[in-house]
Amino acid sequence: MEHKKEPLLEIRDLSVSFRMYGRGLEQTDLQAISDLHFTVYPGEIIAVAGSSGSGKSLLSSAVLGILPGNASIRGHMYYKGQELTPERQKALRGTEIALVPQSVSYLDPLMKTGAQADGHKKPRPTEKRKGLFRRFGLPEKTEQLYPFQLSGGMARRILVSTALLTDAELIIADEPTPGMSLGQALEALQMFREMADAGRAVVLITHDIDLAFEFADRVSVFYAGTTVETAPASDFKKGPDALRHPYTKALWKALPQNEFQPLEGFQPYAGDLPRGCLFAPRCPFRTGRCTSNVPPVRRVRGGEVRCYYGS
């Protein structure tokens, strides 16, 4: 997919490591994200897929500037063409860039949900919020409830509503649908779709790949803290031959409705990353070149792939 618009968010060569203490005072650096490339355009939903520990949620923390104090970050992040400095991250967080967090513990336990969803806006978007609550099937009394009185699914719907009530041009939704019924999840994703169609953008971090295919424009596949492939969502519907990277093909085959073929081996631990291609130890097509050098990102058939031989 070729884009004529300028990127809303552009990430180049992003690396994130964490200083950890082992035995005694021995210090080690865990490389959680390595040489990550990622781009988001206005008017699109880009889904981020990959196994647990692949760096999906860390990406959102890096963009928003909410990494813990022992994190070290390298690389470049741009929002609307300007570097995302810590000062800009603080100014944009919750205004132009909004987060739907993975944990419902982000809700303030001492504040009623209606007031939380409205935020600090003046005047309060009460009618718009009530409309979102109704669309989500939340009873009218929900606005008067505290978080401890909500079910997990209700809390998720409150978090999504809170982000949608902002004027954010970019929403990062980190696993927004667990705990929702299928109908509620579809409604949430439809709201994101409408937002993107209006010219804004959504980064959808999800394990529910099937739903992502239906609503996303592109899918970016993460593995061991880096992007291995970014492709049009339509390619994932066509089957493995339309995909480019061996890991992406294996991910497709592991889906229950496909061949359900498990991939042997494990994603490498951040403290013991292999040299060269991070997927090489599990790749049936690896050569000596793969185990000695990190493959560059190449454009192939309208997508991007980090592989010497992906085609």
C-alpha atoms as a PDB file:
ATOM      1  CA  MET A   1       0.000   0.000   0.000  1.00  0.00           C
ATOM      2  CA  GLU A   2       1.551   3.265  -1.132  1.00  0.00           C
ATOM      3  CA  HIS A   3       0.801   6.363   0.925  1.00  0.00           C
ATOM      4  CA  LYS A   4       0.732   9.859  -0.505  1.00  0.00           C
ATOM      5  CA  LYS A   5       0.020  11.468   2.881  1.00  0.00           C
ATOM      6  CA  GLU A   6       2.721  12.483   5.314  1.00  0.00           C
ATOM      7  CA  PRO A   7       3.024  10.140   8.314  1.00  0.00           C
ATOM      8  CA  LEU A   8       1.247  11.136  11.498  1.00  0.00           C
ATOM      9  CA  LEU A   9       3.694   9.050  13.553  1.00  0.00           C
ATOM     10  CA  GLU A  10       7.045   7.802  12.287  1.00  0.00           C
ATOM     11  CA  ILE A  11       9.506   5.670  14.253  1.00  0.00           C
ATOM     12  CA  ARG A  12      12.984   4.880  13.000  1.00  0.00           C
ATOM     13  CA  ASP A  13      15.612   2.580  14.497  1.00  0.00           C
ATOM     14  CA  LEU A  14      13.936   2.549  17.921  1.00  0.00           C
ATOM     15  CA  SER A  15      15.715   0.549  20.615  1.00  0.00           C
ATOM     16  CA  VAL A  16      14.619   0.252  24.246  1.00  0.00           C
ATOM     17  CA  SER A  17      16.649  -1.485  26.944  1.00  0.00           C
ATOM     18  CA  PHE A  18      16.254  -1.850  30.702  1.00  0.00           C
ATOM     19  CA  ARG A  19      19.046  -1.727  33.281  1.00  0.00           C
ATOM     20  CA  MET A  20      18.517  -4.686  35.597  1.00  0.00           C
ATOM     21  CA  TYR A  21      20.350  -5.993  38.644  1.00  0.00           C
ATOM     22  CA  GLY A  22      21.372  -9.627  38.913  1.00  0.00           C
ATOM     23  CA  ARG A  23      23.210 -11.258  41.753  1.00  0.00           C
ATOM     24  CA  GLY A  24      24.687  -8.757  44.149  1.00  0.00           C
ATOM     25  CA  LEU A  25      25.186  -5.470  42.322  1.00  0.00           C
ATOM     26  CA  GLU A  26      25.817  -6.986  38.909  1.00  0.00           C
ATOM     27  CA  GLN A  27      24.072  -4.904  36.235  1.00  0.00           C
ATOM     28  CA  THR A  28      22.765  -6.151  32.921  1.00  0.00           C
ATOM     29  CA  ASP A  29      20.903  -4.489  30.067  1.00  0.00           C
ATOM     30  CA  LEU A  30      17.846  -6.259  28.672  1.00  0.00           C
ATOM     31  CA  GLN A  31      17.225  -5.330  25.037  1.00  0.00           C
ATOM     32  CA  ALA A  32      13.427  -5.279  24.827  1.00  0.00           C
ATOM     33  CA  ILE A  33      13.083  -3.426  21.485  1.00  0.00           C
ATOM     34  CA  SER A  34      15.702  -3.495  18.730  1.00  0.00           C
ATOM     35  CA  ASP A  35      15.934  -1.379  15.578  1.00  0.00           C
ATOM     36  CA  LEU A  36      12.150  -1.040  15.303  1.00  0.00           C
ATOM     37  CA  HIS A  37      10.582   0.770  12.336  1.00  0.00           C
ATOM     38  CA  PHE A  38       6.928   1.781  12.467  1.00  0.00           C
ATOM     39  CA  THR A  39       4.782   4.325  10.623  1.00  0.00           C
ATOM     40  CA  VAL A  40       1.179   5.454  11.081  1.00  0.00           C
ATOM     41  CA  TYR A  41      -0.730   7.524   8.532  1.00  0.00           C
ATOM     42  CA  PRO A  42      -3.824   9.697   8.982  1.00  0.00           C
ATOM     43  CA  GLY A  43      -7.038   7.893   8.123  1.00  0.00           C
ATOM     44  CA  GLU A  44      -5.876   4.358   8.914  1.00  0.00           C
ATOM     45  CA  ILE A  45      -6.042   1.643  11.509  1.00  0.00           C
ATOM     46  CA  ILE A  46      -2.768  -0.229  11.792  1.00  0.00           C
ATOM     47  CA  ALA A  47      -2.957  -3.402  13.854  1.00  0.00           C
ATOM     48  CA  VAL A  48       0.080  -4.590  15.809  1.00  0.00           C
ATOM     49  CA  ALA A  49       0.240  -8.374  16.191  1.00  0.00           C
ATOM     50  CA  GLY A  50       2.720 -10.757  17.758  1.00  0.00           C
ATOM     51  CA  SER A  51       3.175 -13.056  20.710  1.00  0.00           C
ATOM     52  CA  SER A  52       3.426 -11.873  24.312  1.00  0.00           C
ATOM     53  CA  GLY A  53       6.779 -10.241  25.017  1.00  0.00           C
ATOM     54  CA  SER A  54       7.319  -9.110  21.435  1.00  0.00           C
ATOM     55  CA  GLY A  55       7.340  -5.405  22.368  1.00  0.00           C
ATOM     56  CA  LYS A  56       3.820  -4.372  21.373  1.00  0.00           C
ATOM     57  CA  SER A  57       2.852  -2.641  24.619  1.00  0.00           C
ATOM     58  CA  LEU A  58       6.351  -1.214  25.072  1.00  0.00           C
ATOM     59  CA  LEU A  59       5.876   0.616  21.791  1.00  0.00           C
ATOM     60  CA  SER A  60       2.917   2.536  23.235  1.00  0.00           C
ATOM     61  CA  SER A  61       4.860   3.410  26.396  1.00  0.00           C
ATOM     62  CA  ALA A  62       7.793   4.670  24.336  1.00  0.00           C
ATOM     63  CA  VAL A  63       5.574   6.855  22.138  1.00  0.00           C
ATOM     64  CA  LEU A  64       3.760   8.341  25.138  1.00  0.00           C
ATOM     65  CA  GLY A  65       6.941   8.832  27.176  1.00  0.00           C
ATOM     66  CA  ILE A  66       5.812   6.676  30.105  1.00  0.00           C
ATOM     67  CA  LEU A  67       8.638   4.132  30.236  1.00  0.00           C
ATOM     68  CA  PRO A  68      10.003   3.374  33.720  1.00  0.00           C
ATOM     69  CA  GLY A  69      13.084   5.130  35.036  1.00  0.00           C
ATOM     70  CA  ASN A  70      15.452   2.226  34.329  1.00  0.00           C
ATOM     71  CA  ALA A  71      14.690   2.366  30.598  1.00  0.00           C
ATOM     72  CA  SER A  72      17.167   3.629  28.031  1.00  0.00           C
ATOM     73  CA  ILE A  73      15.889   4.655  24.611  1.00  0.00           C
ATOM     74  CA  ARG A  74      17.656   5.247  21.286  1.00  0.00           C
ATOM     75  CA  GLY A  75      16.394   6.092  17.835  1.00  0.00           C
ATOM     76  CA  HIS A  76      13.983   8.667  16.467  1.00  0.00           C
ATOM     77  CA  MET A  77      10.252   9.237  16.880  1.00  0.00           C
ATOM     78  CA  TYR A  78       8.392  11.920  14.928  1.00  0.00           C
ATOM     79  CA  TYR A  79       4.836  13.181  15.314  1.00  0.00           C
ATOM     80  CA  LYS A  80       3.566  15.351  12.452  1.00  0.00           C
ATOM     81  CA  GLY A  81       7.133  15.617  11.205  1.00  0.00           C
ATOM     82  CA  GLN A  82       8.604  16.939  14.455  1.00  0.00           C
ATOM     83  CA  GLU A  83      10.769  15.014  16.901  1.00  0.00           C
ATOM     84  CA  LEU A  84       8.871  13.566  19.846  1.00  0.00           C
ATOM     85  CA  THR A  85      10.927  15.039  22.671  1.00  0.00           C
ATOM     86  CA  PRO A  86       9.966  14.366  26.321  1.00  0.00           C
ATOM     87  CA  GLU A  87       8.476  17.866  26.453  1.00  0.00           C
ATOM     88  CA  ARG A  88       6.299  17.234  23.382  1.00  0.00           C
ATOM     89  CA  GLN A  89       5.251  13.824  24.675  1.00  0.00           C
ATOM     90  CA  LYS A  90       4.016  15.399  27.901  1.00  0.00           C
ATOM     91  CA  ALA A  91       2.138  18.132  26.016  1.00  0.00           C
ATOM     92  CA  LEU A  92       0.509  15.703  23.544  1.00  0.00           C
ATOM     93  CA  ARG A  93      -0.314  12.915  25.991  1.00  0.00           C
ATOM     94  CA  GLY A  94      -4.057  12.799  26.571  1.00  0.00           C
ATOM     95  CA  THR A  95      -4.723  15.599  24.098  1.00  0.00           C
ATOM     96  CA  GLU A  96      -3.512  14.764  20.575  1.00  0.00           C
ATOM     97  CA  ILE A  97      -2.334  11.256  21.473  1.00  0.00           C
ATOM     98  CA  ALA A  98      -4.651   9.147  23.635  1.00  0.00           C
ATOM     99  CA  LEU A  99      -4.182   5.696  25.133  1.00  0.00           C
ATOM    100  CA  VAL A 100      -6.674   2.930  25.733  1.00  0.00           C
ATOM    101  CA  PRO A 101      -4.626   1.084  28.364  1.00  0.00           C
ATOM    102  CA  GLN A 102      -4.443  -2.666  28.657  1.00  0.00           C
ATOM    103  CA  SER A 103      -5.166  -2.663  32.395  1.00  0.00           C
ATOM    104  CA  VAL A 104      -8.486  -1.516  33.854  1.00  0.00           C
ATOM    105  CA  SER A 105      -6.544  -0.390  36.939  1.00  0.00           C
ATOM    106  CA  TYR A 106      -5.949   2.883  35.071  1.00  0.00           C
ATOM    107  CA  LEU A 107      -9.445   3.915  36.177  1.00  0.00           C
ATOM    108  CA  ASP A 108      -9.433   6.127  39.269  1.00  0.00           C
ATOM    109  CA  PRO A 109     -11.087   4.069  42.046  1.00  0.00           C
ATOM    110  CA  LEU A 110     -12.284   7.231  43.832  1.00  0.00           C
ATOM    111  CA  MET A 111     -14.047   8.858  40.857  1.00  0.00           C
ATOM    112  CA  LYS A 112     -17.372   8.001  39.245  1.00  0.00           C
ATOM    113  CA  THR A 113     -17.043   6.640  35.728  1.00  0.00           C
ATOM    114  CA  GLY A 114     -19.070   9.372  34.035  1.00  0.00           C
ATOM    115  CA  ALA A 115     -16.801  12.095  35.374  1.00  0.00           C
ATOM    116  CA  GLN A 116     -13.722  10.082  34.433  1.00  0.00           C
ATOM    117  CA  ALA A 117     -14.885   9.657  30.861  1.00  0.00           C
ATOM    118  CA  ASP A 118     -15.667  13.370  30.565  1.00  0.00           C
ATOM    119  CA  GLY A 119     -12.181  14.284  31.749  1.00  0.00           C
ATOM    120  CA  HIS A 120     -11.209  17.918  32.234  1.00  0.00           C
ATOM    121  CA  LYS A 121     -13.022  19.264  29.188  1.00  0.00           C
ATOM    122  CA  LYS A 122     -14.999  22.460  29.490  1.00  0.00           C
ATOM    123  CA  PRO A 123     -17.869  22.240  28.808  1.00  0.00           C
ATOM    124  CA  ARG A 124     -18.163  18.592  29.761  1.00  0.00           C
ATOM    125  CA  PRO A 125     -19.087  16.357  26.782  1.00  0.00           C
ATOM    126  CA  THR A 126     -21.991  14.850  28.727  1.00  0.00           C
ATOM    127  CA  GLU A 127     -24.346  14.222  25.797  1.00  0.00           C
ATOM    128  CA  LYS A 128     -21.621  12.760  23.586  1.00  0.00           C
ATOM    129  CA  ARG A 129     -20.534  10.516  26.432  1.00  0.00           C
ATOM    130  CA  LYS A 130     -24.092   9.358  27.081  1.00  0.00           C
ATOM    131  CA  GLY A 131     -24.390   8.522  23.389  1.00  0.00           C
ATOM    132  CA  LEU A 132     -21.220   6.417  23.510  1.00  0.00           C
ATOM    133  CA  PHE A 133     -22.384   4.649  26.656  1.00  0.00           C
ATOM    134  CA  ARG A 134     -25.725   3.828  24.997  1.00  0.00           C
ATOM    135  CA  ARG A 135     -23.972   2.571  21.887  1.00  0.00           C
ATOM    136  CA  PHE A 136     -21.874   0.294  24.084  1.00  0.00           C
ATOM    137  CA  GLY A 137     -24.977  -1.037  25.828  1.00  0.00           C
ATOM    138  CA  LEU A 138     -24.036   0.511  29.162  1.00  0.00           C
ATOM    139  CA  PRO A 139     -27.034   1.264  31.418  1.00  0.00           C
ATOM    140  CA  GLU A 140     -27.718   4.932  32.157  1.00  0.00           C
ATOM    141  CA  LYS A 141     -26.803   4.430  35.816  1.00  0.00           C
ATOM    142  CA  THR A 142     -23.248   3.448  34.794  1.00  0.00           C
ATOM    143  CA  GLU A 143     -22.105   7.072  34.942  1.00  0.00           C
ATOM    144  CA  GLN A 144     -22.811   7.093  38.671  1.00  0.00           C
ATOM    145  CA  LEU A 145     -20.845   3.926  39.405  1.00  0.00           C
ATOM    146  CA  TYR A 146     -17.321   3.634  40.752  1.00  0.00           C
ATOM    147  CA  PRO A 147     -14.802   1.314  39.034  1.00  0.00           C
ATOM    148  CA  PHE A 148     -15.109  -1.395  41.707  1.00  0.00           C
ATOM    149  CA  GLN A 149     -18.812  -1.690  40.804  1.00  0.00           C
ATOM    150  CA  LEU A 150     -18.056  -2.482  37.153  1.00  0.00           C
ATOM    151  CA  SER A 151     -17.525  -5.829  35.485  1.00  0.00           C
ATOM    152  CA  GLY A 152     -14.313  -6.269  33.499  1.00  0.00           C
ATOM    153  CA  GLY A 153     -16.144  -5.788  30.211  1.00  0.00           C
ATOM    154  CA  MET A 154     -17.879  -2.637  31.440  1.00  0.00           C
ATOM    155  CA  ALA A 155     -14.550  -1.196  32.578  1.00  0.00           C
ATOM    156  CA  ARG A 156     -13.063  -1.865  29.125  1.00  0.00           C
ATOM    157  CA  ARG A 157     -15.943  -0.045  27.468  1.00  0.00           C
ATOM    158  CA  ILE A 158     -15.426   2.933  29.799  1.00  0.00           C
ATOM    159  CA  LEU A 159     -11.730   3.085  28.860  1.00  0.00           C
ATOM    160  CA  VAL A 160     -12.523   3.010  25.132  1.00  0.00           C
ATOM    161  CA  SER A 161     -15.208   5.679  25.574  1.00  0.00           C
ATOM    162  CA  THR A 162     -12.788   7.901  27.500  1.00  0.00           C
ATOM    163  CA  ALA A 163     -10.275   7.827  24.635  1.00  0.00           C
ATOM    164  CA  LEU A 164     -12.953   8.411  21.985  1.00  0.00           C
ATOM    165  CA  LEU A 165     -14.210  11.480  23.871  1.00  0.00           C
ATOM    166  CA  THR A 166     -10.850  13.223  23.444  1.00  0.00           C
ATOM    167  CA  ASP A 167      -9.913  15.244  20.384  1.00  0.00           C
ATOM    168  CA  ALA A 168      -6.907  12.981  19.877  1.00  0.00           C
ATOM    169  CA  GLU A 169      -5.682  12.575  16.320  1.00  0.00           C
ATOM    170  CA  LEU A 170      -3.944   9.327  17.285  1.00  0.00           C
ATOM    171  CA  ILE A 171      -5.386   6.674  19.595  1.00  0.00           C
ATOM    172  CA  ILE A 172      -3.190   3.808  20.755  1.00  0.00           C
ATOM    173  CA  ALA A 173      -5.531   1.011  21.842  1.00  0.00           C
ATOM    174  CA  ASP A 174      -3.633  -1.660  23.793  1.00  0.00           C
ATOM    175  CA  GLU A 175      -5.728  -4.851  23.861  1.00  0.00           C
ATOM    176  CA  PRO A 176      -9.018  -2.895  24.103  1.00  0.00           C
ATOM    177  CA  THR A 177     -11.497  -5.775  23.695  1.00  0.00           C
ATOM    178  CA  PRO A 178     -10.764  -8.581  26.260  1.00  0.00           C
ATOM    179  CA  GLY A 179     -13.749  -9.037  28.560  1.00  0.00           C
ATOM    180  CA  MET A 180     -16.175  -7.723  25.946  1.00  0.00           C
ATOM    181  CA  SER A 181     -18.734  -9.866  24.193  1.00  0.00           C
ATOM    182  CA  LEU A 182     -18.236 -10.353  20.462  1.00  0.00           C
ATOM    183  CA  GLY A 183     -20.911  -7.748  19.726  1.00  0.00           C
ATOM    184  CA  GLN A 184     -19.321  -5.214  22.067  1.00  0.00           C
ATOM    185  CA  ALA A 185     -15.861  -5.832  20.596  1.00  0.00           C
ATOM    186  CA  LEU A 186     -17.200  -5.358  17.077  1.00  0.00           C
ATOM    187  CA  GLU A 187     -18.879  -2.119  18.159  1.00  0.00           C
ATOM    188  CA  ALA A 188     -15.623  -0.822  19.667  1.00  0.00           C
ATOM    189  CA  LEU A 189     -13.684  -1.618  16.510  1.00  0.00           C
ATOM    190  CA  GLN A 190     -16.397  -0.049  14.375  1.00  0.00           C
ATOM    191  CA  MET A 191     -15.994   3.157  16.414  1.00  0.00           C
ATOM    192  CA  PHE A 192     -12.262   3.087  15.739  1.00  0.00           C
ATOM    193  CA  ARG A 193     -13.023   2.523  12.053  1.00  0.00           C
ATOM    194  CA  GLU A 194     -15.300   5.560  11.960  1.00  0.00           C
ATOM    195  CA  MET A 195     -12.627   7.620  13.685  1.00  0.00           C
ATOM    196  CA  ALA A 196     -10.019   6.597  11.101  1.00  0.00           C
ATOM    197  CA  ASP A 197     -12.418   7.228   8.224  1.00  0.00           C
ATOM    198  CA  ALA A 198     -12.807  10.776   9.571  1.00  0.00           C
ATOM    199  CA  GLY A 199      -9.057  11.341   9.096  1.00  0.00           C
ATOM    200  CA  ARG A 200      -7.652  10.366  12.470  1.00  0.00           C
ATOM    201  CA  ALA A 201      -5.516   7.274  13.160  1.00  0.00           C
ATOM    202  CA  VAL A 202      -5.594   4.213  15.407  1.00  0.00           C
ATOM    203  CA  VAL A 203      -2.824   1.862  16.493  1.00  0.00           C
ATOM    204  CA  LEU A 204      -4.616  -1.347  17.493  1.00  0.00           C
ATOM    205  CA  ILE A 205      -2.435  -3.623  19.629  1.00  0.00           C
ATOM    206  CA  THR A 206      -4.157  -6.980  19.762  1.00  0.00           C
ATOM    207  CA  HIS A 207      -3.920 -10.747  20.104  1.00  0.00           C
ATOM    208  CA  ASP A 208      -7.263 -11.083  18.308  1.00  0.00           C
ATOM    209  CA  ILE A 209      -5.830 -11.212  14.823  1.00  0.00           C
ATOM    210  CA  ASP A 210      -9.086 -12.280  13.181  1.00  0.00           C
ATOM    211  CA  LEU A 211     -10.903  -9.134  14.315  1.00  0.00           C
ATOM    212  CA  ALA A 212      -7.912  -7.003  13.330  1.00  0.00           C
ATOM    213  CA  PHE A 213      -8.061  -8.317   9.766  1.00  0.00           C
ATOM    214  CA  GLU A 214     -11.657  -7.146   9.441  1.00  0.00           C
ATOM    215  CA  PHE A 215     -11.109  -3.553  10.570  1.00  0.00           C
ATOM    216  CA  ALA A 216      -7.440  -2.678  10.007  1.00  0.00           C
ATOM    217  CA  ASP A 217      -5.896  -1.235   6.877  1.00  0.00           C
ATOM    218  CA  ARG A 218      -2.428  -2.606   7.611  1.00  0.00           C
ATOM    219  CA  VAL A 219      -0.951  -5.141  10.037  1.00  0.00           C
ATOM    220  CA  SER A 220       2.512  -4.851  11.568  1.00  0.00           C
ATOM    221  CA  VAL A 221       3.931  -8.091  12.952  1.00  0.00           C
ATOM    222  CA  PHE A 222       6.328  -7.889  15.906  1.00  0.00           C
ATOM    223  CA  TYR A 223       8.829 -10.537  16.954  1.00  0.00           C
ATOM    224  CA  ALA A 224      11.334 -10.311  19.828  1.00  0.00           C
ATOM    225  CA  GLY A 225      11.123  -6.532  19.965  1.00  0.00           C
ATOM    226  CA  THR A 226      11.270  -5.632  16.294  1.00  0.00           C
ATOM    227  CA  THR A 227       9.023  -5.441  13.245  1.00  0.00           C
ATOM    228  CA  VAL A 228       9.429  -8.362  10.865  1.00  0.00           C
ATOM    229  CA  GLU A 229       6.650  -7.472   8.419  1.00  0.00           C
ATOM    230  CA  THR A 230       4.106  -4.752   7.732  1.00  0.00           C
ATOM    231  CA  ALA A 231       1.519  -5.562   5.088  1.00  0.00           C
ATOM    232  CA  PRO A 232      -1.980  -4.649   3.918  1.00  0.00           C
ATOM    233  CA  ALA A 233      -4.573  -6.431   6.052  1.00  0.00           C
ATOM    234  CA  SER A 234      -6.051  -7.878   2.871  1.00  0.00           C
ATOM    235  CA  ASP A 235      -2.878  -9.969   2.382  1.00  0.00           C
ATOM    236  CA  PHE A 236      -3.616 -11.862   5.589  1.00  0.00           C
ATOM    237  CA  LYS A 237      -7.004 -12.876   4.207  1.00  0.00           C
ATOM    238  CA  LYS A 238      -5.423 -14.283   1.048  1.00  0.00           C
ATOM    239  CA  GLY A 239      -3.237 -16.799   2.843  1.00  0.00           C
ATOM    240  CA  PRO A 240       0.466 -17.448   3.496  1.00  0.00           C
ATOM    241  CA  ASP A 241       1.536 -17.099  -0.129  1.00  0.00           C
ATOM    242  CA  ALA A 242       0.544 -13.418  -0.015  1.00  0.00           C
ATOM    243  CA  LEU A 243       2.736 -12.824   3.045  1.00  0.00           C
ATOM    244  CA  ARG A 244       6.479 -12.189   3.051  1.00  0.00           C
ATOM    245  CA  HIS A 245       8.239 -13.210   6.264  1.00  0.00           C
ATOM    246  CA  PRO A 246       8.590 -16.848   7.457  1.00  0.00           C
ATOM    247  CA  TYR A 247       7.339 -15.888  10.933  1.00  0.00           C
ATOM    248  CA  THR A 248       4.247 -14.133   9.537  1.00  0.00           C
ATOM    249  CA  LYS A 249       3.467 -17.200   7.432  1.00  0.00           C
ATOM    250  CA  ALA A 250       3.873 -19.416  10.517  1.00  0.00           C
ATOM    251  CA  LEU A 251       1.631 -17.097  12.532  1.00  0.00           C
ATOM    252  CA  TRP A 252      -1.070 -17.386   9.873  1.00  0.00           C
ATOM    253  CA  LYS A 253      -0.782 -21.195   9.792  1.00  0.00           C
ATOM    254  CA  ALA A 254      -1.071 -21.365  13.595  1.00  0.00           C
ATOM    255  CA  LEU A 255      -4.552 -19.802  13.583  1.00  0.00           C
ATOM    256  CA  PRO A 256      -7.270 -22.356  14.497  1.00  0.00           C
ATOM    257  CA  GLN A 257      -9.236 -21.850  11.283  1.00  0.00           C
ATOM    258  CA  ASN A 258      -6.147 -22.446   9.174  1.00  0.00           C
ATOM    259  CA  GLU A 259      -3.776 -25.371   9.439  1.00  0.00           C
ATOM    260  CA  PHE A 260      -3.185 -24.875  13.202  1.00  0.00           C
ATOM    261  CA  GLN A 261       0.466 -25.804  12.802  1.00  0.00           C
ATOM    262  CA  PRO A 262       2.539 -24.861  15.870  1.00  0.00           C
ATOM    263  CA  LEU A 263       5.953 -23.311  15.324  1.00  0.00           C
ATOM    264  CA  GLU A 264       8.785 -25.151  17.014  1.00  0.00           C
ATOM    265  CA  GLY A 265      11.007 -23.265  19.431  1.00  0.00           C
ATOM    266  CA  PHE A 266      10.510 -20.118  21.465  1.00  0.00           C
ATOM    267  CA  GLN A 267      10.779 -16.371  21.030  1.00  0.00           C
ATOM    268  CA  PRO A 268      14.222 -15.405  22.424  1.00  0.00           C
ATOM    269  CA  TYR A 269      14.564 -13.850  25.856  1.00  0.00           C
ATOM    270  CA  ALA A 270      15.497 -10.159  25.868  1.00  0.00           C
ATOM    271  CA  GLY A 271      18.618 -10.935  27.874  1.00  0.00           C
ATOM    272  CA  ASP A 272      19.857 -13.547  25.415  1.00  0.00           C
ATOM    273  CA  LEU A 273      19.107 -12.342  21.898  1.00  0.00           C
ATOM    274  CA  PRO A 274      20.756 -14.208  19.023  1.00  0.00           C
ATOM    275  CA  ARG A 275      23.157 -12.536  16.658  1.00  0.00           C
ATOM    276  CA  GLY A 276      21.812 -11.483  13.274  1.00  0.00           C
ATOM    277  CA  CYS A 277      18.158 -12.114  12.467  1.00  0.00           C
ATOM    278  CA  LEU A 278      16.207 -12.604  15.694  1.00  0.00           C
ATOM    279  CA  PHE A 279      14.020 -15.245  14.050  1.00  0.00           C
ATOM    280  CA  ALA A 280      16.927 -17.207  12.555  1.00  0.00           C
ATOM    281  CA  PRO A 281      17.097 -19.937  15.269  1.00  0.00           C
ATOM    282  CA  ARG A 282      13.521 -20.968  14.401  1.00  0.00           C
ATOM    283  CA  CYS A 283      13.597 -20.287  10.668  1.00  0.00           C
ATOM    284  CA  PRO A 284      13.685 -23.295   8.304  1.00  0.00           C
ATOM    285  CA  PHE A 285      15.220 -21.126   5.563  1.00  0.00           C
ATOM    286  CA  ARG A 286      18.126 -19.614   7.511  1.00  0.00           C
ATOM    287  CA  THR A 287      21.614 -19.435   6.064  1.00  0.00           C
ATOM    288  CA  GLY A 288      24.931 -18.265   7.465  1.00  0.00           C
ATOM    289  CA  ARG A 289      24.094 -14.752   6.335  1.00  0.00           C
ATOM    290  CA  CYS A 290      21.024 -14.701   8.597  1.00  0.00           C
ATOM    291  CA  THR A 291      22.986 -15.622  11.729  1.00  0.00           C
ATOM    292  CA  SER A 292      25.727 -13.036  11.240  1.00  0.00           C
ATOM    293  CA  ASN A 293      23.936  -9.849  10.160  1.00  0.00           C
ATOM    294  CA  VAL A 294      20.637  -8.114  10.955  1.00  0.00           C
ATOM    295  CA  PRO A 295      18.539  -8.035   7.769  1.00  0.00           C
ATOM    296  CA  PRO A 296      17.486  -4.596   6.524  1.00  0.00           C
ATOM    297  CA  VAL A 297      13.854  -3.600   6.042  1.00  0.00           C
ATOM    298  CA  ARG A 298      12.929  -4.042   2.360  1.00  0.00           C
ATOM    299  CA  ARG A 299       9.846  -3.039   0.402  1.00  0.00           C
ATOM    300  CA  VAL A 300       8.314  -6.097  -1.228  1.00  0.00           C
ATOM    301  CA  ARG A 301       4.965  -6.313  -3.055  1.00  0.00           C
ATOM    302  CA  GLY A 302       3.442  -3.265  -1.377  1.00  0.00           C
ATOM    303  CA  GLY A 303       4.607  -4.208   2.109  1.00  0.00           C
ATOM    304  CA  GLU A 304       7.770  -4.165   4.200  1.00  0.00           C
ATOM    305  CA  VAL A 305       9.754  -7.167   5.386  1.00  0.00           C
ATOM    306  CA  ARG A 306      12.880  -7.607   7.508  1.00  0.00           C
ATOM    307  CA  CYS A 307      14.317 -10.681   5.827  1.00  0.00           C
ATOM    308  CA  TYR A 308      17.035 -11.382   3.272  1.00  0.00           C
ATOM    309  CA  TYR A 309      14.881 -13.877   1.445  1.00  0.00           C
ATOM    310  CA  GLY A 310      11.292 -12.792   2.131  1.00  0.00           C
ATOM    311  CA  SER A 311       9.483 -12.274  -1.142  1.00  0.00           C
END
